[in-house]
PDB file of N, CA and C in Angstrom:
ATOM      1  N   MET A   1      34.812 -11.085 -19.394  1.00  0.00           N
ATOM      2  CA  MET A   1      35.360  -9.613 -19.688  1.00  0.00           C
ATOM      3  C   MET A   1      34.049  -8.684 -19.642  1.00  0.00           C
ATOM      4  N   ALA A   2      32.988  -9.216 -20.274  1.00  0.00           N
ATOM      5  CA  ALA A   2      31.630  -8.236 -20.292  1.00  0.00           C
ATOM      6  C   ALA A   2      31.183  -8.258 -18.904  1.00  0.00           C
ATOM      7  N   GLN A   3      31.274  -9.237 -18.182  1.00  0.00           N
ATOM      8  CA  GLN A   3      30.839  -9.254 -16.704  1.00  0.00           C
ATOM      9  C   GLN A   3      31.691  -8.066 -15.788  1.00  0.00           C
ATOM     10  N   ARG A   4      32.881  -8.095 -15.919  1.00  0.00           N
ATOM     11  CA  ARG A   4      33.672  -7.147 -15.418  1.00  0.00           C
ATOM     12  C   ARG A   4      33.410  -5.773 -15.785  1.00  0.00           C
ATOM     13  N   LEU A   5      33.090  -5.433 -17.099  1.00  0.00           N
ATOM     14  CA  LEU A   5      32.677  -4.281 -17.705  1.00  0.00           C
ATOM     15  C   LEU A   5      31.323  -3.821 -17.071  1.00  0.00           C
ATOM     16  N   ARG A   6      30.453  -4.651 -16.980  1.00  0.00           N
ATOM     17  CA  ARG A   6      29.114  -4.673 -16.401  1.00  0.00           C
ATOM     18  C   ARG A   6      29.282  -4.044 -15.045  1.00  0.00           C
ATOM     19  N   GLU A   7      30.161  -4.697 -14.321  1.00  0.00           N
ATOM     20  CA  GLU A   7      30.360  -4.633 -12.786  1.00  0.00           C
ATOM     21  C   GLU A   7      30.880  -3.128 -12.449  1.00  0.00           C
ATOM     22  N   GLY A   8      31.845  -2.854 -13.482  1.00  0.00           N
ATOM     23  CA  GLY A   8      32.532  -1.504 -13.449  1.00  0.00           C
ATOM     24  C   GLY A   8      31.505  -0.374 -13.834  1.00  0.00           C
ATOM     25  N   ALA A   9      30.624  -0.587 -14.628  1.00  0.00           N
ATOM     26  CA  ALA A   9      29.566   0.441 -15.022  1.00  0.00           C
ATOM     27  C   ALA A   9      28.719   0.565 -13.917  1.00  0.00           C
ATOM     28  N   THR A  10      28.276  -0.429 -13.281  1.00  0.00           N
ATOM     29  CA  THR A  10      27.279  -0.261 -12.014  1.00  0.00           C
ATOM     30  C   THR A  10      27.971   0.462 -11.010  1.00  0.00           C
ATOM     31  N   MET A  11      29.425   0.177 -10.874  1.00  0.00           N
ATOM     32  CA  MET A  11      30.075   0.952  -9.712  1.00  0.00           C
ATOM     33  C   MET A  11      30.017   2.364 -10.141  1.00  0.00           C
ATOM     34  N   ILE A  12      30.466   2.776 -11.259  1.00  0.00           N
ATOM     35  CA  ILE A  12      30.415   4.136 -11.695  1.00  0.00           C
ATOM     36  C   ILE A  12      28.985   4.699 -11.381  1.00  0.00           C
ATOM     37  N   LEU A  13      28.126   4.001 -11.874  1.00  0.00           N
ATOM     38  CA  LEU A  13      26.718   4.630 -11.765  1.00  0.00           C
ATOM     39  C   LEU A  13      26.255   4.917 -10.286  1.00  0.00           C
ATOM     40  N   VAL A  14      26.602   3.905  -9.265  1.00  0.00           N
ATOM     41  CA  VAL A  14      26.283   4.214  -7.995  1.00  0.00           C
ATOM     42  C   VAL A  14      27.036   5.149  -7.335  1.00  0.00           C
ATOM     43  N   ALA A  15      28.408   5.375  -7.838  1.00  0.00           N
ATOM     44  CA  ALA A  15      29.322   6.175  -7.243  1.00  0.00           C
ATOM     45  C   ALA A  15      28.719   7.680  -7.760  1.00  0.00           C
ATOM     46  N   GLY A  16      28.364   7.674  -9.027  1.00  0.00           N
ATOM     47  CA  GLY A  16      27.755   9.019  -9.504  1.00  0.00           C
ATOM     48  C   GLY A  16      26.545   9.412  -8.792  1.00  0.00           C
ATOM     49  N   THR A  17      25.742   8.523  -8.454  1.00  0.00           N
ATOM     50  CA  THR A  17      24.488   8.917  -7.847  1.00  0.00           C
ATOM     51  C   THR A  17      24.776   9.379  -6.317  1.00  0.00           C
ATOM     52  N   VAL A  18      25.633   8.585  -5.690  1.00  0.00           N
ATOM     53  CA  VAL A  18      26.076   9.006  -4.308  1.00  0.00           C
ATOM     54  C   VAL A  18      26.603  10.587  -4.271  1.00  0.00           C
ATOM     55  N   LEU A  19      27.644  10.646  -5.329  1.00  0.00           N
ATOM     56  CA  LEU A  19      28.110  12.029  -5.367  1.00  0.00           C
ATOM     57  C   LEU A  19      27.224  13.041  -5.773  1.00  0.00           C
ATOM     58  N   VAL A  20      26.151  12.784  -6.452  1.00  0.00           N
ATOM     59  CA  VAL A  20      25.212  13.922  -6.870  1.00  0.00           C
ATOM     60  C   VAL A  20      24.196  14.131  -5.590  1.00  0.00           C
ATOM     61  N   ALA A  21      24.027  12.856  -4.909  1.00  0.00           N
ATOM     62  CA  ALA A  21      23.021  13.120  -3.676  1.00  0.00           C
ATOM     63  C   ALA A  21      23.946  14.028  -2.689  1.00  0.00           C
ATOM     64  N   LEU A  22      25.138  13.636  -2.521  1.00  0.00           N
ATOM     65  CA  LEU A  22      26.038  14.450  -1.659  1.00  0.00           C
ATOM     66  C   LEU A  22      25.986  15.802  -2.037  1.00  0.00           C
ATOM     67  N   GLY A  23      26.437  16.009  -3.335  1.00  0.00           N
ATOM     68  CA  GLY A  23      26.498  17.622  -3.640  1.00  0.00           C
ATOM     69  C   GLY A  23      25.158  18.196  -3.361  1.00  0.00           C
ATOM     70  N   HIS A  24      23.974  17.684  -3.723  1.00  0.00           N
ATOM     71  CA  HIS A  24      22.829  18.346  -3.539  1.00  0.00           C
ATOM     72  C   HIS A  24      22.436  18.604  -2.179  1.00  0.00           C
ATOM     73  N   ASN A  25      22.813  17.660  -1.229  1.00  0.00           N
ATOM     74  CA  ASN A  25      22.656  17.876   0.178  1.00  0.00           C
ATOM     75  C   ASN A  25      23.501  19.025   0.520  1.00  0.00           C
ATOM     76  N   VAL A  26      24.771  19.089   0.247  1.00  0.00           N
ATOM     77  CA  VAL A  26      25.843  20.261   0.515  1.00  0.00           C
ATOM     78  C   VAL A  26      25.154  21.606   0.016  1.00  0.00           C
ATOM     79  N   ALA A  27      24.643  21.591  -1.311  1.00  0.00           N
ATOM     80  CA  ALA A  27      24.171  22.820  -1.895  1.00  0.00           C
ATOM     81  C   ALA A  27      22.921  23.234  -1.015  1.00  0.00           C
ATOM     82  N   SER A  28      22.096  22.349  -0.672  1.00  0.00           N
ATOM     83  CA  SER A  28      20.923  22.796  -0.161  1.00  0.00           C
ATOM     84  C   SER A  28      21.187  23.191   1.370  1.00  0.00           C
ATOM     85  N   ALA A  29      22.228  22.658   1.981  1.00  0.00           N
ATOM     86  CA  ALA A  29      22.577  23.279   3.465  1.00  0.00           C
ATOM     87  C   ALA A  29      23.200  24.478   3.203  1.00  0.00           C
ATOM     88  N   LEU A  30      24.042  24.748   2.021  1.00  0.00           N
ATOM     89  CA  LEU A  30      24.756  26.031   1.792  1.00  0.00           C
ATOM     90  C   LEU A  30      23.346  27.163   1.676  1.00  0.00           C
ATOM     91  N   THR A  31      22.572  26.879   1.031  1.00  0.00           N
ATOM     92  CA  THR A  31      21.546  27.753   0.607  1.00  0.00           C
ATOM     93  C   THR A  31      20.644  28.098   1.831  1.00  0.00           C
ATOM     94  N   LEU A  32      20.620  27.042   2.741  1.00  0.00           N
ATOM     95  CA  LEU A  32      19.616  27.208   3.884  1.00  0.00           C
ATOM     96  C   LEU A  32      20.584  28.123   4.754  1.00  0.00           C
ATOM     97  N   SER A  33      21.885  27.910   5.017  1.00  0.00           N
ATOM     98  CA  SER A  33      22.663  28.731   5.793  1.00  0.00           C
ATOM     99  C   SER A  33      22.635  30.207   5.191  1.00  0.00           C
ATOM    100  N   ASP A  34      22.900  30.291   3.991  1.00  0.00           N
ATOM    101  CA  ASP A  34      22.885  31.653   3.227  1.00  0.00           C
ATOM    102  C   ASP A  34      21.470  32.503   3.689  1.00  0.00           C
ATOM    103  N   LEU A  35      20.487  31.605   3.519  1.00  0.00           N
ATOM    104  CA  LEU A  35      19.138  32.247   3.671  1.00  0.00           C
ATOM    105  C   LEU A  35      18.951  32.716   5.093  1.00  0.00           C
ATOM    106  N   SER A  36      19.307  31.791   6.052  1.00  0.00           N
ATOM    107  CA  SER A  36      19.257  32.225   7.498  1.00  0.00           C
ATOM    108  C   SER A  36      20.215  33.541   7.956  1.00  0.00           C
ATOM    109  N   GLU A  37      21.383  33.484   7.241  1.00  0.00           N
ATOM    110  CA  GLU A  37      22.185  34.892   7.475  1.00  0.00           C
ATOM    111  C   GLU A  37      21.553  35.996   6.873  1.00  0.00           C
ATOM    112  N   ALA A  38      21.058  35.889   5.772  1.00  0.00           N
ATOM    113  CA  ALA A  38      20.284  36.992   4.950  1.00  0.00           C
ATOM    114  C   ALA A  38      19.086  37.318   5.923  1.00  0.00           C
ATOM    115  N   THR A  39      18.316  36.569   6.414  1.00  0.00           N
ATOM    116  CA  THR A  39      17.185  36.883   7.356  1.00  0.00           C
ATOM    117  C   THR A  39      17.813  37.568   8.514  1.00  0.00           C
ATOM    118  N   ALA A  40      18.699  37.020   9.120  1.00  0.00           N
ATOM    119  CA  ALA A  40      19.353  37.610  10.401  1.00  0.00           C
ATOM    120  C   ALA A  40      19.782  39.138  10.019  1.00  0.00           C
ATOM    121  N   CYS A  41      20.523  39.314   9.007  1.00  0.00           N
ATOM    122  CA  CYS A  41      20.918  40.805   8.487  1.00  0.00           C
ATOM    123  C   CYS A  41      19.756  41.513   8.235  1.00  0.00           C
ATOM    124  N   LEU A  42      18.694  41.108   7.838  1.00  0.00           N
ATOM    125  CA  LEU A  42      17.454  41.788   7.594  1.00  0.00           C
ATOM    126  C   LEU A  42      16.746  42.236   8.933  1.00  0.00           C
ATOM    127  N   PHE A  43      16.820  41.257  10.038  1.00  0.00           N
ATOM    128  CA  PHE A  43      16.173  41.510  11.130  1.00  0.00           C
ATOM    129  C   PHE A  43      16.981  42.476  12.085  1.00  0.00           C
ATOM    130  N   ARG A  44      18.389  42.517  11.754  1.00  0.00           N
ATOM    131  CA  ARG A  44      19.232  43.464  12.446  1.00  0.00           C
ATOM    132  C   ARG A  44      18.953  44.969  12.243  1.00  0.00           C
ATOM    133  N   TYR A  45      18.533  45.237  10.969  1.00  0.00           N
ATOM    134  CA  TYR A  45      18.291  46.505  10.573  1.00  0.00           C
ATOM    135  C   TYR A  45      16.878  46.875  11.128  1.00  0.00           C
TER     136      TYR A  45
END
């Protein structure tokens, strides 16, 4: 029983870290695209 709980906890930890890493990558990509769009708008004027 304890072994199964430990395995479940490690699975949740791994899934959480993967989700955080994916969210961080998506957020950085979004900010990068927003920055490039802002610079493009600045250079247009």
